[in-house]
C-alpha atoms as a PDB file:
ATOM      1  CA  MET A   1     -26.740  15.634 -13.880  1.00  0.00           C
ATOM      2  CA  PRO A   2     -26.322  11.955 -14.384  1.00  0.00           C
ATOM      3  CA  ARG A   3     -26.864   9.673 -11.376  1.00  0.00           C
ATOM      4  CA  HIS A   4     -24.378   6.894 -10.929  1.00  0.00           C
ATOM      5  CA  PRO A   5     -25.677   3.639  -9.784  1.00  0.00           C
ATOM      6  CA  ALA A   6     -24.889   2.575  -6.083  1.00  0.00           C
ATOM      7  CA  PRO A   7     -22.300   0.119  -5.735  1.00  0.00           C
ATOM      8  CA  ASP A   8     -23.734  -3.518  -5.969  1.00  0.00           C
ATOM      9  CA  TYR A   9     -22.917  -5.039  -2.658  1.00  0.00           C
ATOM     10  CA  SER A  10     -24.823  -6.140   0.352  1.00  0.00           C
ATOM     11  CA  LEU A  11     -23.891  -5.390   3.874  1.00  0.00           C
ATOM     12  CA  ARG A  12     -22.908  -8.923   4.215  1.00  0.00           C
ATOM     13  CA  ASP A  13     -20.385  -8.542   1.431  1.00  0.00           C
ATOM     14  CA  LEU A  14     -19.189  -5.182   3.004  1.00  0.00           C
ATOM     15  CA  ALA A  15     -18.336  -6.998   6.056  1.00  0.00           C
ATOM     16  CA  ARG A  16     -16.509  -9.702   4.353  1.00  0.00           C
ATOM     17  CA  LEU A  17     -14.490  -7.067   2.327  1.00  0.00           C
ATOM     18  CA  ARG A  18     -13.746  -5.343   5.702  1.00  0.00           C
ATOM     19  CA  ARG A  19     -12.352  -8.638   7.073  1.00  0.00           C
ATOM     20  CA  VAL A  20     -10.199  -8.861   3.915  1.00  0.00           C
ATOM     21  CA  ARG A  21      -8.871  -5.351   4.360  1.00  0.00           C
ATOM     22  CA  ASP A  22      -8.310  -6.041   8.150  1.00  0.00           C
ATOM     23  CA  ARG A  23      -6.348  -9.109   7.333  1.00  0.00           C
ATOM     24  CA  ILE A  24      -4.054  -7.352   4.709  1.00  0.00           C
ATOM     25  CA  ASP A  25      -3.343  -4.805   7.498  1.00  0.00           C
ATOM     26  CA  ARG A  26      -2.402  -7.420  10.073  1.00  0.00           C
ATOM     27  CA  GLU A  27      -0.666  -9.793   7.854  1.00  0.00           C
ATOM     28  CA  TYR A  28       0.923  -7.561   5.127  1.00  0.00           C
ATOM     29  CA  ALA A  29       4.411  -9.215   5.485  1.00  0.00           C
ATOM     30  CA  GLN A  30       2.942 -12.692   4.872  1.00  0.00           C
ATOM     31  CA  PRO A  31       2.617 -14.042   1.467  1.00  0.00           C
ATOM     32  CA  LEU A  32      -0.967 -13.135   0.497  1.00  0.00           C
ATOM     33  CA  ASN A  33      -2.702 -13.383  -2.800  1.00  0.00           C
ATOM     34  CA  VAL A  34      -6.126 -12.658  -4.039  1.00  0.00           C
ATOM     35  CA  GLU A  35      -7.084 -16.338  -4.681  1.00  0.00           C
ATOM     36  CA  VAL A  36      -6.410 -17.226  -1.021  1.00  0.00           C
ATOM     37  CA  LEU A  37      -8.044 -14.128   0.426  1.00  0.00           C
ATOM     38  CA  ALA A  38     -11.123 -14.861  -1.911  1.00  0.00           C
ATOM     39  CA  ARG A  39     -11.369 -18.435  -0.903  1.00  0.00           C
ATOM     40  CA  ASP A  40     -11.080 -17.636   2.666  1.00  0.00           C
ATOM     41  CA  ILE A  41     -14.380 -15.446   2.533  1.00  0.00           C
ATOM     42  CA  GLY A  42     -16.252 -17.585   0.113  1.00  0.00           C
ATOM     43  CA  MET A  43     -16.033 -15.351  -3.149  1.00  0.00           C
ATOM     44  CA  SER A  44     -14.249 -15.947  -6.383  1.00  0.00           C
ATOM     45  CA  SER A  45     -10.899 -13.866  -6.721  1.00  0.00           C
ATOM     46  CA  GLY A  46     -12.567 -11.814  -9.633  1.00  0.00           C
ATOM     47  CA  HIS A  47     -15.493 -10.842  -7.610  1.00  0.00           C
ATOM     48  CA  LEU A  48     -13.427 -10.013  -4.685  1.00  0.00           C
ATOM     49  CA  SER A  49     -11.242  -7.812  -6.924  1.00  0.00           C
ATOM     50  CA  ARG A  50     -14.048  -6.118  -8.363  1.00  0.00           C
ATOM     51  CA  GLN A  51     -15.987  -5.581  -5.089  1.00  0.00           C
ATOM     52  CA  PHE A  52     -12.941  -4.399  -3.016  1.00  0.00           C
ATOM     53  CA  ARG A  53     -12.196  -1.808  -5.822  1.00  0.00           C
ATOM     54  CA  LEU A  54     -15.825  -0.528  -5.588  1.00  0.00           C
ATOM     55  CA  ALA A  55     -15.687  -0.466  -1.766  1.00  0.00           C
ATOM     56  CA  PHE A  56     -12.177   1.005  -1.169  1.00  0.00           C
ATOM     57  CA  GLY A  57     -10.992   2.577  -4.716  1.00  0.00           C
ATOM     58  CA  GLU A  58      -8.215   0.152  -5.381  1.00  0.00           C
ATOM     59  CA  SER A  59      -7.597  -3.343  -5.819  1.00  0.00           C
ATOM     60  CA  PRO A  60      -6.508  -5.869  -2.935  1.00  0.00           C
ATOM     61  CA  TYR A  61      -3.117  -6.145  -4.442  1.00  0.00           C
ATOM     62  CA  SER A  62      -2.521  -2.357  -4.614  1.00  0.00           C
ATOM     63  CA  TYR A  63      -3.862  -2.065  -0.992  1.00  0.00           C
ATOM     64  CA  LEU A  64      -1.494  -4.720   0.081  1.00  0.00           C
ATOM     65  CA  MET A  65       1.381  -3.026  -1.667  1.00  0.00           C
ATOM     66  CA  THR A  66       0.457   0.292  -0.174  1.00  0.00           C
ATOM     67  CA  ARG A  67       0.623  -1.247   3.382  1.00  0.00           C
ATOM     68  CA  ARG A  68       3.962  -2.843   2.656  1.00  0.00           C
ATOM     69  CA  ILE A  69       5.487   0.451   1.280  1.00  0.00           C
ATOM     70  CA  GLU A  70       4.137   2.369   4.439  1.00  0.00           C
ATOM     71  CA  ARG A  71       6.024  -0.094   6.857  1.00  0.00           C
ATOM     72  CA  ALA A  72       8.960  -0.021   4.487  1.00  0.00           C
ATOM     73  CA  MET A  73       9.095   3.843   4.739  1.00  0.00           C
ATOM     74  CA  ALA A  74       9.079   3.578   8.813  1.00  0.00           C
ATOM     75  CA  LEU A  75      11.961   0.890   8.455  1.00  0.00           C
ATOM     76  CA  LEU A  76      14.005   2.815   6.180  1.00  0.00           C
ATOM     77  CA  ARG A  77      13.708   6.115   8.217  1.00  0.00           C
ATOM     78  CA  ARG A  78      14.880   4.088  11.277  1.00  0.00           C
ATOM     79  CA  GLY A  79      18.096   3.740   9.047  1.00  0.00           C
ATOM     80  CA  ASP A  80      19.342   0.302  10.530  1.00  0.00           C
ATOM     81  CA  LEU A  81      18.472  -2.108   7.762  1.00  0.00           C
ATOM     82  CA  SER A  82      19.331  -2.081   4.065  1.00  0.00           C
ATOM     83  CA  VAL A  83      17.019  -1.630   1.271  1.00  0.00           C
ATOM     84  CA  THR A  84      17.023  -5.245   0.565  1.00  0.00           C
ATOM     85  CA  GLU A  85      16.407  -6.277   4.200  1.00  0.00           C
ATOM     86  CA  VAL A  86      13.370  -4.008   4.211  1.00  0.00           C
ATOM     87  CA  CYS A  87      12.132  -5.483   1.007  1.00  0.00           C
ATOM     88  CA  PHE A  88      12.016  -8.944   2.557  1.00  0.00           C
ATOM     89  CA  THR A  89      11.007  -7.669   5.966  1.00  0.00           C
ATOM     90  CA  VAL A  90       7.815  -6.274   4.625  1.00  0.00           C
ATOM     91  CA  GLY A  91       6.773  -9.299   2.635  1.00  0.00           C
ATOM     92  CA  CYS A  92       8.019  -8.384  -0.950  1.00  0.00           C
ATOM     93  CA  ALA A  93       9.626 -11.541  -2.853  1.00  0.00           C
ATOM     94  CA  SER A  94      11.325  -9.303  -5.472  1.00  0.00           C
ATOM     95  CA  LEU A  95      13.630  -6.278  -4.883  1.00  0.00           C
ATOM     96  CA  GLY A  96      12.652  -4.952  -8.238  1.00  0.00           C
ATOM     97  CA  THR A  97       9.006  -5.015  -7.617  1.00  0.00           C
ATOM     98  CA  PHE A  98       9.543  -3.453  -4.409  1.00  0.00           C
ATOM     99  CA  SER A  99      11.581  -0.592  -5.689  1.00  0.00           C
ATOM    100  CA  THR A 100       9.356   0.012  -8.681  1.00  0.00           C
ATOM    101  CA  ARG A 101       6.168   0.119  -6.437  1.00  0.00           C
ATOM    102  CA  PHE A 102       8.216   2.192  -3.679  1.00  0.00           C
ATOM    103  CA  THR A 103       9.224   4.711  -6.444  1.00  0.00           C
ATOM    104  CA  GLU A 104       5.720   5.053  -7.911  1.00  0.00           C
ATOM    105  CA  LEU A 105       4.043   5.397  -4.432  1.00  0.00           C
ATOM    106  CA  VAL A 106       6.600   7.819  -2.862  1.00  0.00           C
ATOM    107  CA  GLY A 107       8.294   9.559  -5.765  1.00  0.00           C
ATOM    108  CA  VAL A 108      11.741   8.453  -4.793  1.00  0.00           C
ATOM    109  CA  SER A 109      13.644   5.361  -4.775  1.00  0.00           C
ATOM    110  CA  PRO A 110      13.965   3.301  -1.502  1.00  0.00           C
ATOM    111  CA  SER A 111      17.768   4.267  -1.279  1.00  0.00           C
ATOM    112  CA  VAL A 112      17.191   7.912  -1.925  1.00  0.00           C
ATOM    113  CA  TYR A 113      14.210   7.881   0.588  1.00  0.00           C
ATOM    114  CA  ARG A 114      16.328   6.102   3.303  1.00  0.00           C
ATOM    115  CA  ARG A 115      19.087   8.557   2.653  1.00  0.00           C
ATOM    116  CA  GLU A 116      17.020  11.593   2.874  1.00  0.00           C
ATOM    117  CA  ALA A 117      14.241  10.880   5.270  1.00  0.00           C
ATOM    118  CA  ALA A 118      16.555   9.425   8.163  1.00  0.00           C
ATOM    119  CA  GLY A 119      16.059  12.486  10.384  1.00  0.00           C
ATOM    120  CA  ALA A 120      12.882  13.960   8.835  1.00  0.00           C
ATOM    121  CA  THR A 121      10.593  12.783  11.550  1.00  0.00           C
ATOM    122  CA  ALA A 122      12.967  13.061  14.622  1.00  0.00           C
ATOM    123  CA  GLY A 123      11.148  14.388  17.693  1.00  0.00           C
ATOM    124  CA  MET A 124       7.729  14.014  15.987  1.00  0.00           C
ATOM    125  CA  PRO A 125       5.099  11.976  17.667  1.00  0.00           C
ATOM    126  CA  SER A 126       4.658   8.496  15.780  1.00  0.00           C
ATOM    127  CA  CYS A 127       1.123   9.187  14.994  1.00  0.00           C
ATOM    128  CA  VAL A 128       1.938  12.444  13.256  1.00  0.00           C
ATOM    129  CA  ALA A 129       5.120  10.968  11.536  1.00  0.00           C
ATOM    130  CA  ARG A 130       2.675   8.281  10.152  1.00  0.00           C
ATOM    131  CA  GLN A 131       0.412  10.785   8.673  1.00  0.00           C
ATOM    132  CA  VAL A 132       2.785  13.099   7.105  1.00  0.00           C
ATOM    133  CA  THR A 133       4.852  10.125   5.637  1.00  0.00           C
ATOM    134  CA  ARG A 134       1.994   8.061   4.403  1.00  0.00           C
ATOM    135  CA  PRO A 135       2.434   7.090   0.617  1.00  0.00           C
ATOM    136  CA  ILE A 136       0.305   8.355  -1.942  1.00  0.00           C
ATOM    137  CA  ARG A 137      -1.983   5.636  -3.509  1.00  0.00           C
ATOM    138  CA  ASN A 138      -2.664   4.742  -6.899  1.00  0.00           C
ATOM    139  CA  ARG A 139       0.387   6.090  -8.726  1.00  0.00           C
ATOM    140  CA  GLU A 140      -0.382   9.684  -7.778  1.00  0.00           C
ATOM    141  CA  ALA A 141       3.215  10.552  -6.614  1.00  0.00           C
ATOM    142  CA  PRO A 142       3.693  14.001  -8.049  1.00  0.00           C
ATOM    143  CA  ALA A 143       5.478  14.204 -11.410  1.00  0.00           C
ATOM    144  CA  PRO A 144       8.367  16.396 -11.841  1.00  0.00           C
ATOM    145  CA  GLU A 145       7.553  19.902 -13.004  1.00  0.00           C
ATOM    146  CA  PRO A 146       8.342  20.230 -16.692  1.00  0.00           C
ATOM    147  CA  ASP A 147      11.110  22.796 -17.267  1.00  0.00           C
ATOM    148  CA  LEU A 148       9.145  25.394 -19.484  1.00  0.00           C
ATOM    149  CA  ALA A 149      12.015  27.874 -19.882  1.00  0.00           C
END
């Protein structure tokens, strides 16, 4: 059985990567980019991207967009904001990019999600609602079943 080498990062690098992940979790609605995140922890943007992917399984940008989509899902379920308002509230600058990424992660467009999910979590504790409505990462939304008939 072939052995895969252990990821090449030190405990110090792992702590810095966790700080980046925590910052993304806190500041997801702010304009963030890899260059700024990397500079603030003393890494190059390329090194940060490679190490973040090794440590957490996805790029910093993908992680940021997943956080934004999670928050957007909650706002859309609430139903008091338009899709455009939600897009800008969660920090996306482009409605097109937001809609595309939302559809990739969730499997339906934001407007369809808003219409169908409005009452889906009514009466459910928020911690449970957050878990059952978490978007699927890394473009893993289930593809429609092919019609074999």
